[in-house]
Amino acid sequence: MPGWHRRCNAICMSSSFPMPRDPTPIPAADPEHPLARAFASFTEAAGSLERTYGQLQGQVAHLRQELEVTNRDLATSLDENHRIRERLHRILEGLPCGVLVLEAEARISILNPEAARLVGGSFEAADALPPALHIALDRARQTGAEPELQLSNESLKNESRINETPLWVAIRHAWLEQSETHATSVFILRDITDAKKLERDRDELRRQQALVEMSALLAHEIRNPLGSLELFAGLLAEANLEAESHRWIEHVQAGLRTLSATVNNVLQLHHPPQSGRAATFTDAGELLDWAHDFLLPLAKQARVEMQVINELHGITMPADRHRLEQVLLNLALNAFRFMPGGGWLSIRGQNCAVSPGTADNLAGSGCEIVVRDTGPGIAPDDLPRIFDAGFSTRAGSSGLGLAVCRQIIEEHGGSLSVESRPGHGATFRVRLPLHAPVEATGPAPSCAPVPREDADLGDDSYAADSLQPDLRGNSPTHAETFEAGL
C-alpha cells in the first residue's frame, strides 16, 4: 500500500511515582534472624525429604519388580507342584501294588485302587479294615517283617468276590514320618495269589513226578515177569489141549496182552523223545499181519468181529516196529473197550501219494493205516482233548493210550487224526512217510477211501454185508478180506 512506510510519530509519556516504604525491616535480610534460620532449616529438610522420597520411590519400583519376578516364579512353582501332584496321583492310581497310608495309626489318608481291590473296598479308618488285615498291618509296623496273609471272601465282605479265589497279600511297612506328635506309615500291599498258585502247582508237579517215576519203575519191574507169562501162555496155546482149555488159554493171553499194553503205555509216555526217524526199517505188510494174529484173541474176548485189509506187503518204512505195534494195539484196545456189547473193527493199510509241504510233513509217498470201529463215537466237545495224556471218558482208564499213539507217530514224522460222530463210531488215520516213493504200474492210490469204504460203519446193513466173509472163518485170507471191500 503506498505510503505504508511513512514515519509514525509515537508519543511516550512517563511519570514517576514514589514507592511506599515499609517502616519494618525484612527479617530475611538478616541470616542470623531466627525466622531466617528456621526457614533455611525447613528448606533443607524439605529437600532432604524430597531426595528421600525419590530414593524410596526407586526402592519401591525395585521391590515391585522383584515381587513380580517372585510372583511369576511362585506361579511357575505352583504349576509345577500341581503337575507333580497329578503325576504322583496317576502313578498311585496305576501302580500294580497297593499303597495304604495311615495317619497316627488311625486315619487312612491314601488308598489307591489296587489297595482298595485287595482290602475289599474303600475305607477311611483303620478300624474299618478286616480284623485279620488290621492285625497284619500292626505286625508289619512293629516287627519290620513282610507277613503274608490270605484274605478270604468272608473277611473281605465283598459280594462281588464271593465266587473268586481267596487272595494272598504280602504286606511291607515304611515310615513316612515318625515323631512323638505325629506318625505316618505307608504300607505296600502285593498280590501274591499267582505266586502261591505257582508254588502249589510246583509242589503238585513234584508229587506227580514222583508218582511218574514210581509208576515207571513198577511198570519196568512188572514187564519182566509179564513177558515170561506171555511166553508160557503162548507155549500152552500151541500145546495139544482140549477145546475148552484152549479157550481159557486164549482168555489168559488176551488179559496178559492188555496188561502188557498198559505197562508199555506207562513206559512209553515218559520215554525221552527220539531225535529224527528210527534207524531201522519195518515191513508195513508184516506189521499188519502181526496185528491180525495178535489182536484176534482180544477181539474174540470182546465179542468184536475184526477184519484186516492189508495192501502194504513189501512196503518198508523207517520205523521202530515194536513202537508201531504199540500204536495198533492201543487203537484196537480203545475200540474194544468202547464196544462192550460187541461190534465191528476194521484195520486197513494202503499206500498213498502225499504231496510235499502238507500238514503231515510227509515228502514223496507215504502209507496210511485206517482203524474204524462201530462204537458210540466221540462227542464233539471231547474231540480236541482225546489225545491229551490223562483224558478219558471211561471210568477207571488211565487215559494214556491215545496220547502214546500220537507221541509215537509224531516221533516217526507222521500224523494221527480222528473223525467221529456220536453214535456212528470213530475212524483213526495213521499216516507215515516211506523210505522212498514206491513205484507202481498204475496211478498212485489216494489216501481218500472209495465211496463204498466211506460208508458209515454204524449202518448195520453195510457192516454185515461188508464183513460177512470174515464171519464164515476165524482167520480169512488177505484176498478174502480185500474182496470184502471194507
Protein backbone atom coordinates (compact mmCIF):
# COMPACT_ATOMS: atom_id res chain seq x y z
CA MET A 1 0.00 0.00 0.00
CA PRO A 2 1.51 3.36 -0.90
CA GLY A 3 2.70 5.38 1.96
CA TRP A 4 2.85 2.45 4.38
CA HIS A 5 6.46 3.23 5.20
CA ARG A 6 5.60 6.72 6.21
CA ARG A 7 7.11 7.75 9.60
CA CYS A 8 4.91 7.24 12.60
CA ASN A 9 5.13 9.57 15.48
CA ALA A 10 4.66 7.96 18.89
CA ILE A 11 4.10 9.96 21.96
CA CYS A 12 5.55 8.38 25.10
CA MET A 13 4.53 9.67 28.43
CA SER A 14 6.25 8.70 31.62
CA SER A 15 5.56 9.66 35.14
CA SER A 16 7.46 8.75 38.31
CA PHE A 17 5.63 7.81 41.50
CA PRO A 18 7.43 7.29 44.75
CA MET A 19 7.27 3.64 46.18
CA PRO A 20 5.93 3.38 49.70
CA ARG A 21 8.49 2.34 52.27
CA ASP A 22 7.90 -0.37 54.87
CA PRO A 23 8.87 1.05 58.12
CA THR A 24 9.64 -2.60 59.38
CA PRO A 25 12.85 -4.17 58.02
CA ILE A 26 12.63 -7.62 56.24
CA PRO A 27 13.82 -10.37 58.62
CA ALA A 28 15.21 -12.49 55.79
CA ALA A 29 17.69 -9.86 55.04
CA ASP A 30 19.38 -10.92 58.24
CA PRO A 31 20.61 -14.54 58.00
CA GLU A 32 21.05 -14.68 61.70
CA HIS A 33 17.47 -13.86 62.34
CA PRO A 34 15.61 -16.81 63.91
CA LEU A 35 12.95 -16.85 61.26
CA ALA A 36 15.59 -16.89 58.53
CA ARG A 37 17.34 -19.78 60.18
CA ALA A 38 14.04 -21.63 60.63
CA PHE A 39 13.13 -21.03 57.01
CA ALA A 40 16.55 -22.27 55.91
CA SER A 41 16.19 -25.35 58.08
CA PHE A 42 12.74 -26.01 56.65
CA THR A 43 14.00 -25.63 53.10
CA GLU A 44 16.85 -28.03 53.81
CA ALA A 45 14.51 -30.55 55.45
CA ALA A 46 12.12 -30.32 52.52
CA GLY A 47 14.95 -31.01 50.08
CA SER A 48 16.18 -33.90 52.14
CA LEU A 49 12.65 -35.25 52.33
CA GLU A 50 12.27 -34.88 48.59
CA ARG A 51 15.51 -36.73 47.98
CA THR A 52 14.49 -39.46 50.43
CA TYR A 53 11.13 -39.75 48.78
CA GLY A 54 12.82 -40.13 45.40
CA GLN A 55 15.06 -42.87 46.79
CA LEU A 56 12.04 -44.52 48.36
CA GLN A 57 10.22 -44.47 45.05
CA GLY A 58 13.23 -46.11 43.43
CA GLN A 59 13.33 -48.78 46.08
CA VAL A 60 9.58 -49.34 45.76
CA ALA A 61 9.93 -49.72 42.00
CA HIS A 62 12.80 -52.19 42.51
CA LEU A 63 10.80 -54.12 45.10
CA ARG A 64 7.83 -54.16 42.76
CA GLN A 65 9.96 -55.68 40.03
CA GLU A 66 11.35 -58.24 42.44
CA LEU A 67 7.82 -59.00 43.65
CA GLU A 68 6.65 -59.52 40.09
CA VAL A 69 9.54 -61.91 39.43
CA THR A 70 8.85 -63.69 42.70
CA ASN A 71 5.14 -63.97 41.84
CA ARG A 72 5.97 -65.40 38.44
CA ASP A 73 8.38 -67.90 40.00
CA LEU A 74 5.80 -68.77 42.62
CA ALA A 75 3.12 -69.27 39.98
CA THR A 76 5.52 -71.46 38.00
CA SER A 77 6.39 -73.39 41.15
CA LEU A 78 2.71 -73.86 41.97
CA ASP A 79 2.02 -75.12 38.45
CA GLU A 80 4.97 -77.48 38.64
CA ASN A 81 3.85 -78.63 42.07
CA HIS A 82 0.36 -79.24 40.68
CA ARG A 83 1.77 -81.24 37.77
CA ILE A 84 3.95 -83.28 40.13
CA ARG A 85 0.96 -83.97 42.36
CA GLU A 86 -1.06 -85.02 39.32
CA ARG A 87 1.75 -87.32 38.20
CA LEU A 88 2.12 -88.82 41.65
CA HIS A 89 -1.63 -89.32 41.77
CA ARG A 90 -1.60 -91.06 38.41
CA ILE A 91 1.36 -93.18 39.46
CA LEU A 92 -0.51 -94.22 42.61
CA GLU A 93 -3.59 -94.93 40.53
CA GLY A 94 -1.65 -97.10 38.11
CA LEU A 95 0.69 -98.92 40.48
CA PRO A 96 0.38 -102.71 40.30
CA CYS A 97 0.75 -102.87 44.08
CA GLY A 98 -1.48 -101.41 46.74
CA VAL A 99 -0.47 -98.29 48.70
CA LEU A 100 -2.12 -97.58 52.05
CA VAL A 101 -1.05 -94.51 54.09
CA LEU A 102 -2.08 -94.46 57.73
CA GLU A 103 -2.01 -91.25 59.79
CA ALA A 104 -1.49 -91.59 63.54
CA GLU A 105 -2.31 -95.30 63.31
CA ALA A 106 -5.97 -94.46 62.87
CA ARG A 107 -6.88 -92.44 59.77
CA ILE A 108 -6.35 -93.70 56.22
CA SER A 109 -5.24 -90.76 54.09
CA ILE A 110 -4.31 -92.62 50.89
CA LEU A 111 -5.76 -95.82 49.49
CA ASN A 112 -5.05 -96.38 45.80
CA PRO A 113 -7.33 -98.53 43.60
CA GLU A 114 -5.15 -101.64 43.83
CA ALA A 115 -5.15 -101.40 47.63
CA ALA A 116 -8.92 -100.91 47.60
CA ARG A 117 -9.25 -104.06 45.47
CA LEU A 118 -7.06 -106.08 47.79
CA VAL A 119 -8.69 -104.98 51.05
CA GLY A 120 -12.18 -105.29 49.59
CA GLY A 121 -13.32 -101.66 49.39
CA SER A 122 -12.56 -98.04 50.30
CA PHE A 123 -12.03 -97.28 53.97
CA GLU A 124 -11.28 -94.09 55.88
CA ALA A 125 -10.32 -95.58 59.25
CA ALA A 126 -8.06 -98.46 60.16
CA ASP A 127 -10.67 -99.92 62.47
CA ALA A 128 -12.97 -100.48 59.47
CA LEU A 129 -10.47 -102.82 57.81
CA PRO A 130 -10.92 -106.61 58.07
CA PRO A 131 -9.65 -107.70 61.51
CA ALA A 132 -7.06 -110.11 60.11
CA LEU A 133 -5.67 -107.37 57.86
CA HIS A 134 -5.58 -104.85 60.70
CA ILE A 135 -3.58 -107.29 62.83
CA ALA A 136 -1.20 -107.99 59.95
CA LEU A 137 -0.61 -104.24 59.45
CA ASP A 138 0.26 -103.81 63.12
CA ARG A 139 2.63 -106.77 63.00
CA ALA A 140 4.38 -105.42 59.89
CA ARG A 141 4.81 -102.00 61.57
CA GLN A 142 6.12 -103.42 64.83
CA THR A 143 8.42 -106.17 63.52
CA GLY A 144 9.52 -104.77 60.16
CA ALA A 145 8.87 -108.20 58.61
CA GLU A 146 6.78 -108.87 55.49
CA PRO A 147 3.87 -111.03 56.61
CA GLU A 148 1.75 -112.95 54.10
CA LEU A 149 -1.97 -113.04 54.66
CA GLN A 150 -4.76 -114.99 52.99
CA LEU A 151 -7.86 -112.83 52.67
CA SER A 152 -10.95 -114.99 52.42
CA ASN A 153 -14.13 -113.82 50.73
CA GLU A 154 -15.95 -113.76 54.06
CA SER A 155 -13.38 -111.48 55.66
CA LEU A 156 -13.48 -109.04 52.75
CA LYS A 157 -17.27 -108.73 52.90
CA ASN A 158 -17.39 -108.02 49.18
CA GLU A 159 -20.35 -109.64 47.43
CA SER A 160 -18.76 -109.19 44.01
CA ARG A 161 -15.91 -111.51 45.03
CA ILE A 162 -17.85 -114.31 46.66
CA ASN A 163 -17.08 -116.78 43.85
CA GLU A 164 -13.48 -115.70 43.39
CA THR A 165 -10.38 -117.47 44.63
CA PRO A 166 -9.18 -116.18 48.03
CA LEU A 167 -6.41 -113.61 47.77
CA TRP A 168 -2.93 -113.85 49.19
CA VAL A 169 -1.38 -110.49 50.15
CA ALA A 170 2.18 -109.66 51.23
CA ILE A 171 2.49 -106.53 53.45
CA ARG A 172 5.55 -104.30 53.79
CA HIS A 173 5.81 -101.22 56.07
CA ALA A 174 7.85 -97.99 55.93
CA TRP A 175 7.77 -94.77 57.99
CA LEU A 176 6.95 -91.53 56.19
CA GLU A 177 7.13 -89.53 59.42
CA GLN A 178 7.92 -90.75 62.88
CA SER A 179 7.66 -88.36 65.82
CA GLU A 180 6.05 -88.17 69.23
CA THR A 181 3.30 -85.85 67.99
CA HIS A 182 2.68 -87.27 64.57
CA ALA A 183 3.39 -90.62 62.92
CA THR A 184 2.65 -91.52 59.30
CA SER A 185 3.04 -95.06 57.98
CA VAL A 186 2.92 -96.33 54.42
CA PHE A 187 2.06 -99.96 53.68
CA ILE A 188 2.82 -101.68 50.37
CA LEU A 189 0.36 -104.47 49.59
CA ARG A 190 1.36 -107.03 46.95
CA ASP A 191 -0.99 -109.57 45.41
CA ILE A 192 0.89 -112.88 45.60
CA THR A 193 -2.07 -115.10 44.71
CA ASP A 194 -0.50 -116.19 41.41
CA ALA A 195 2.83 -116.86 43.11
CA LYS A 196 1.09 -119.03 45.71
CA LYS A 197 -0.75 -120.86 42.95
CA LEU A 198 2.52 -121.45 41.10
CA GLU A 199 4.05 -122.73 44.30
CA ARG A 200 1.15 -125.13 44.81
CA ASP A 201 1.37 -126.22 41.16
CA ARG A 202 5.10 -126.76 41.54
CA ASP A 203 4.55 -128.91 44.61
CA GLU A 204 1.84 -130.82 42.79
CA LEU A 205 4.17 -131.27 39.83
CA ARG A 206 6.85 -132.64 42.16
CA ARG A 207 4.37 -135.11 43.60
CA GLN A 208 3.22 -136.12 40.14
CA GLN A 209 6.80 -136.50 39.01
CA ALA A 210 7.48 -138.75 41.97
CA LEU A 211 4.39 -140.81 41.09
CA VAL A 212 5.51 -140.97 37.47
CA GLU A 213 8.94 -142.20 38.44
CA MET A 214 7.41 -144.75 40.79
CA SER A 215 4.89 -145.93 38.19
CA ALA A 216 7.64 -146.21 35.56
CA LEU A 217 9.74 -148.22 37.99
CA LEU A 218 6.81 -150.51 38.82
CA ALA A 219 5.95 -150.88 35.15
CA HIS A 220 9.51 -151.82 34.36
CA GLU A 221 9.57 -154.36 37.17
CA ILE A 222 6.20 -155.79 36.07
CA ARG A 223 7.19 -156.08 32.42
CA ASN A 224 9.87 -158.70 33.03
CA PRO A 225 7.66 -161.34 34.71
CA LEU A 226 4.83 -160.36 32.38
CA GLY A 227 6.96 -161.29 29.39
CA SER A 228 7.58 -164.69 30.93
CA LEU A 229 3.84 -165.19 31.48
CA GLU A 230 3.14 -164.30 27.87
CA LEU A 231 5.77 -166.76 26.71
CA PHE A 232 4.38 -169.61 28.81
CA ALA A 233 0.82 -168.79 27.75
CA GLY A 234 1.93 -168.93 24.12
CA LEU A 235 3.55 -172.32 24.68
CA LEU A 236 0.36 -173.61 26.30
CA ALA A 237 -1.69 -172.30 23.39
CA GLU A 238 0.46 -174.32 20.99
CA ALA A 239 0.11 -177.48 23.07
CA ASN A 240 -2.48 -180.14 22.25
CA LEU A 241 -5.13 -179.10 24.74
CA GLU A 242 -8.85 -179.65 24.78
CA ALA A 243 -11.03 -177.06 23.12
CA GLU A 244 -12.28 -175.67 26.43
CA SER A 245 -8.76 -175.43 27.83
CA HIS A 246 -7.60 -173.79 24.63
CA ARG A 247 -10.32 -171.12 25.04
CA TRP A 248 -9.21 -170.47 28.61
CA ILE A 249 -5.63 -170.06 27.40
CA GLU A 250 -6.82 -167.56 24.81
CA HIS A 251 -8.53 -165.55 27.56
CA VAL A 252 -5.32 -165.62 29.59
CA GLN A 253 -3.37 -164.43 26.56
CA ALA A 254 -5.84 -161.62 25.95
CA GLY A 255 -5.59 -160.44 29.56
CA LEU A 256 -1.81 -160.59 29.51
CA ARG A 257 -1.66 -158.61 26.28
CA THR A 258 -3.98 -155.96 27.68
CA LEU A 259 -1.88 -155.71 30.82
CA SER A 260 1.26 -155.56 28.70
CA ALA A 261 -0.21 -152.71 26.67
CA THR A 262 -0.92 -150.74 29.85
CA VAL A 263 2.59 -151.29 31.15
CA ASN A 264 4.11 -150.28 27.82
CA ASN A 265 1.96 -147.13 27.74
CA VAL A 266 3.32 -146.03 31.09
CA LEU A 267 6.88 -146.62 29.97
CA GLN A 268 6.38 -145.08 26.53
CA LEU A 269 4.68 -141.89 27.76
CA HIS A 270 7.67 -141.00 29.92
CA HIS A 271 10.24 -142.26 27.47
CA PRO A 272 12.57 -139.49 26.25
CA PRO A 273 11.64 -138.48 22.68
CA GLN A 274 13.87 -139.84 19.97
CA SER A 275 15.53 -137.37 17.64
CA GLY A 276 14.80 -137.94 13.99
CA ARG A 277 13.36 -141.07 12.45
CA ALA A 278 14.12 -144.60 13.53
CA ALA A 279 17.34 -146.13 12.25
CA THR A 280 15.64 -149.49 11.46
CA PHE A 281 13.20 -150.31 8.68
CA THR A 282 9.87 -152.02 9.12
CA ASP A 283 7.83 -154.01 6.61
CA ALA A 284 4.37 -152.43 6.82
CA GLY A 285 2.68 -155.57 5.48
CA GLU A 286 4.25 -157.76 8.15
CA LEU A 287 3.17 -155.22 10.74
CA LEU A 288 -0.49 -155.61 9.73
CA ASP A 289 -0.17 -159.42 9.61
CA TRP A 290 1.10 -159.30 13.18
CA ALA A 291 -1.81 -157.06 14.15
CA HIS A 292 -4.31 -159.61 12.82
CA ASP A 293 -2.78 -162.55 14.65
CA PHE A 294 -2.07 -160.67 17.88
CA LEU A 295 -5.41 -158.86 18.16
CA LEU A 296 -7.68 -161.74 17.16
CA PRO A 297 -7.85 -163.29 20.68
CA LEU A 298 -8.57 -159.88 22.13
CA ALA A 299 -11.35 -159.34 19.59
CA LYS A 300 -12.90 -162.71 20.40
CA GLN A 301 -12.82 -161.95 24.11
CA ALA A 302 -14.52 -158.58 23.44
CA ARG A 303 -17.05 -160.23 21.09
CA VAL A 304 -15.90 -157.95 18.29
CA GLU A 305 -15.63 -159.06 14.69
CA MET A 306 -12.30 -157.89 13.28
CA GLN A 307 -11.13 -157.55 9.72
CA VAL A 308 -7.64 -156.60 8.48
CA ILE A 309 -7.23 -155.40 4.89
CA ASN A 310 -3.55 -155.41 4.06
CA GLU A 311 -2.33 -153.59 0.95
CA LEU A 312 1.15 -152.88 2.31
CA HIS A 313 3.06 -156.11 1.60
CA GLY A 314 6.59 -155.40 0.50
CA ILE A 315 6.46 -151.74 1.57
CA THR A 316 9.15 -150.70 4.02
CA MET A 317 9.40 -147.55 6.06
CA PRO A 318 11.92 -146.13 8.53
CA ALA A 319 10.24 -147.00 11.80
CA ASP A 320 10.58 -148.96 15.02
CA ARG A 321 8.24 -151.91 14.58
CA HIS A 322 7.73 -152.54 18.30
CA ARG A 323 6.57 -148.97 18.81
CA LEU A 324 4.18 -149.13 15.85
CA GLU A 325 2.82 -152.39 17.25
CA GLN A 326 2.07 -150.46 20.42
CA VAL A 327 0.10 -147.91 18.36
CA LEU A 328 -2.09 -150.54 16.69
CA LEU A 329 -2.61 -152.34 19.99
CA ASN A 330 -3.69 -149.14 21.74
CA LEU A 331 -6.10 -148.18 18.95
CA ALA A 332 -7.63 -151.66 18.94
CA LEU A 333 -7.94 -151.87 22.72
CA ASN A 334 -9.52 -148.42 22.76
CA ALA A 335 -12.15 -149.65 20.29
CA PHE A 336 -12.75 -152.92 22.19
CA ARG A 337 -13.31 -151.09 25.48
CA PHE A 338 -15.96 -148.84 23.95
CA MET A 339 -17.82 -151.80 22.43
CA PRO A 340 -18.56 -153.94 25.48
CA GLY A 341 -21.60 -155.47 23.78
CA GLY A 342 -19.69 -156.39 20.63
CA GLY A 343 -19.23 -154.65 17.32
CA TRP A 344 -17.01 -154.36 14.25
CA LEU A 345 -13.40 -153.35 13.89
CA SER A 346 -11.63 -152.77 10.60
CA ILE A 347 -7.90 -152.17 10.10
CA ARG A 348 -6.85 -151.24 6.60
CA GLY A 349 -3.38 -150.36 5.34
CA GLN A 350 -2.83 -148.72 1.98
CA ASN A 351 -0.07 -146.99 0.08
CA CYS A 352 -0.90 -143.43 -0.93
CA ALA A 353 0.81 -140.47 -2.53
CA VAL A 354 1.33 -137.49 -0.27
CA SER A 355 2.09 -134.04 -1.64
CA PRO A 356 5.18 -132.31 -0.19
CA GLY A 357 4.51 -129.49 2.23
CA THR A 358 1.27 -130.87 3.57
CA ALA A 359 0.21 -130.59 7.18
CA ASP A 360 1.59 -134.11 7.74
CA ASN A 361 5.09 -133.04 6.69
CA LEU A 362 5.39 -136.15 4.55
CA ALA A 363 7.61 -135.84 1.50
CA GLY A 364 7.14 -138.10 -1.51
CA SER A 365 4.93 -141.12 -0.81
CA GLY A 366 3.53 -142.46 2.41
CA CYS A 367 1.32 -145.16 3.81
CA GLU A 368 -1.92 -144.88 5.72
CA ILE A 369 -3.42 -147.23 8.29
CA VAL A 370 -7.11 -146.63 9.00
CA VAL A 371 -8.74 -148.09 12.11
CA ARG A 372 -12.55 -147.95 12.15
CA ASP A 373 -14.99 -149.15 14.78
CA THR A 374 -18.76 -149.17 15.33
CA GLY A 375 -18.63 -147.86 18.88
CA PRO A 376 -20.65 -144.98 20.33
CA GLY A 377 -18.41 -142.36 18.71
CA ILE A 378 -16.81 -139.32 20.28
CA ALA A 379 -18.64 -136.22 21.45
CA PRO A 380 -17.62 -133.03 19.56
CA ASP A 381 -16.51 -131.37 22.80
CA ASP A 382 -14.16 -134.28 23.54
CA LEU A 383 -12.50 -134.46 20.12
CA PRO A 384 -9.90 -131.73 20.79
CA ARG A 385 -8.80 -133.46 24.03
CA ILE A 386 -8.76 -137.18 23.30
CA PHE A 387 -5.00 -137.15 22.59
CA ASP A 388 -4.20 -135.42 25.90
CA ALA A 389 -2.45 -137.59 28.44
CA GLY A 390 -4.79 -138.48 31.29
CA PHE A 391 -8.01 -137.59 29.46
CA SER A 392 -10.58 -140.37 29.27
CA THR A 393 -14.35 -140.61 29.21
CA ARG A 394 -14.27 -144.17 30.57
CA ALA A 395 -14.14 -144.67 34.31
CA GLY A 396 -11.02 -146.44 35.52
CA SER A 397 -9.00 -145.71 32.39
CA SER A 398 -5.52 -144.18 32.64
CA GLY A 399 -6.09 -142.07 29.54
CA LEU A 400 -2.60 -142.83 28.19
CA GLY A 401 -3.30 -144.98 25.13
CA LEU A 402 -4.14 -142.32 22.53
CA ALA A 403 -1.57 -139.89 23.92
CA VAL A 404 1.12 -142.56 23.47
CA CYS A 405 -0.12 -143.26 19.94
CA ARG A 406 0.22 -139.66 18.84
CA GLN A 407 3.62 -139.32 20.52
CA ILE A 408 4.99 -142.37 18.71
CA ILE A 409 3.58 -141.39 15.31
CA GLU A 410 4.84 -137.80 15.54
CA GLU A 411 8.31 -139.04 16.55
CA HIS A 412 8.29 -141.03 13.30
CA GLY A 413 7.44 -137.91 11.29
CA GLY A 414 3.83 -138.90 10.71
CA SER A 415 0.41 -137.80 11.92
CA LEU A 416 -2.57 -139.27 13.74
CA SER A 417 -6.06 -137.86 13.25
CA VAL A 418 -9.57 -138.85 14.20
CA GLU A 419 -13.01 -138.48 12.66
CA SER A 420 -16.16 -139.27 14.58
CA ARG A 421 -19.79 -138.51 15.10
CA PRO A 422 -21.75 -139.54 18.18
CA GLY A 423 -23.48 -142.84 17.52
CA HIS A 424 -21.55 -143.53 14.31
CA GLY A 425 -18.26 -144.93 15.52
CA ALA A 426 -14.79 -143.46 15.16
CA THR A 427 -12.10 -143.52 12.48
CA PHE A 428 -8.40 -143.09 13.31
CA ARG A 429 -5.97 -142.38 10.48
CA VAL A 430 -2.27 -143.11 10.93
CA ARG A 431 -0.08 -141.62 8.19
CA LEU A 432 3.61 -142.43 7.99
CA PRO A 433 6.31 -141.49 5.47
CA LEU A 434 8.07 -144.16 3.43
CA HIS A 435 11.79 -144.51 2.85
CA ALA A 436 11.36 -143.81 -0.85
CA PRO A 437 8.45 -143.42 -3.29
CA VAL A 438 7.10 -146.81 -4.23
CA GLU A 439 7.00 -147.49 -7.99
CA ALA A 440 3.63 -148.62 -9.21
CA THR A 441 2.38 -149.72 -12.61
CA GLY A 442 -0.75 -147.68 -12.30
CA PRO A 443 -1.57 -144.32 -10.75
CA ALA A 444 -0.72 -143.98 -7.08
CA PRO A 445 -3.77 -144.58 -4.95
CA SER A 446 -5.11 -141.69 -2.98
CA CYS A 447 -5.48 -141.68 0.79
CA ALA A 448 -9.16 -140.88 0.39
CA PRO A 449 -11.25 -144.10 0.52
CA VAL A 450 -13.57 -145.09 -2.30
CA PRO A 451 -17.26 -144.29 -1.80
CA ARG A 452 -18.13 -147.81 -0.61
CA GLU A 453 -15.40 -147.74 2.03
CA ASP A 454 -16.55 -144.33 3.14
CA ALA A 455 -19.92 -145.75 4.14
CA ASP A 456 -20.89 -145.40 7.77
CA LEU A 457 -19.96 -148.39 9.93
CA GLY A 458 -22.92 -147.53 12.08
CA ASP A 459 -25.16 -148.81 9.30
CA ASP A 460 -25.79 -152.44 10.25
CA SER A 461 -26.78 -153.45 6.73
CA TYR A 462 -23.50 -152.20 5.28
CA ALA A 463 -21.38 -153.57 8.12
CA ALA A 464 -22.94 -157.03 7.93
CA ASP A 465 -22.65 -157.15 4.15
CA SER A 466 -19.06 -155.93 4.03
CA LEU A 467 -17.79 -158.12 6.86
CA GLN A 468 -19.84 -161.23 6.08
CA PRO A 469 -16.86 -163.12 4.55
CA ASP A 470 -14.97 -162.65 7.81
CA LEU A 471 -17.82 -164.18 9.79
CA ARG A 472 -17.52 -167.50 7.99
CA GLY A 473 -13.98 -168.18 9.17
CA ASN A 474 -11.80 -167.43 12.12
CA SER A 475 -8.87 -166.13 10.07
CA PRO A 476 -9.79 -165.19 6.47
CA THR A 477 -7.10 -164.86 3.90
CA HIS A 478 -5.90 -161.43 2.76
CA ALA A 479 -7.57 -161.96 -0.58
CA GLU A 480 -10.89 -162.62 1.09
CA THR A 481 -10.61 -159.60 3.36
CA PHE A 482 -9.61 -157.41 0.43
CA GLU A 483 -12.61 -158.59 -1.56
CA ALA A 484 -14.85 -157.80 1.39
CA GLY A 485 -14.32 -154.17 0.47
CA LEU A 486 -14.41 -152.58 3.92
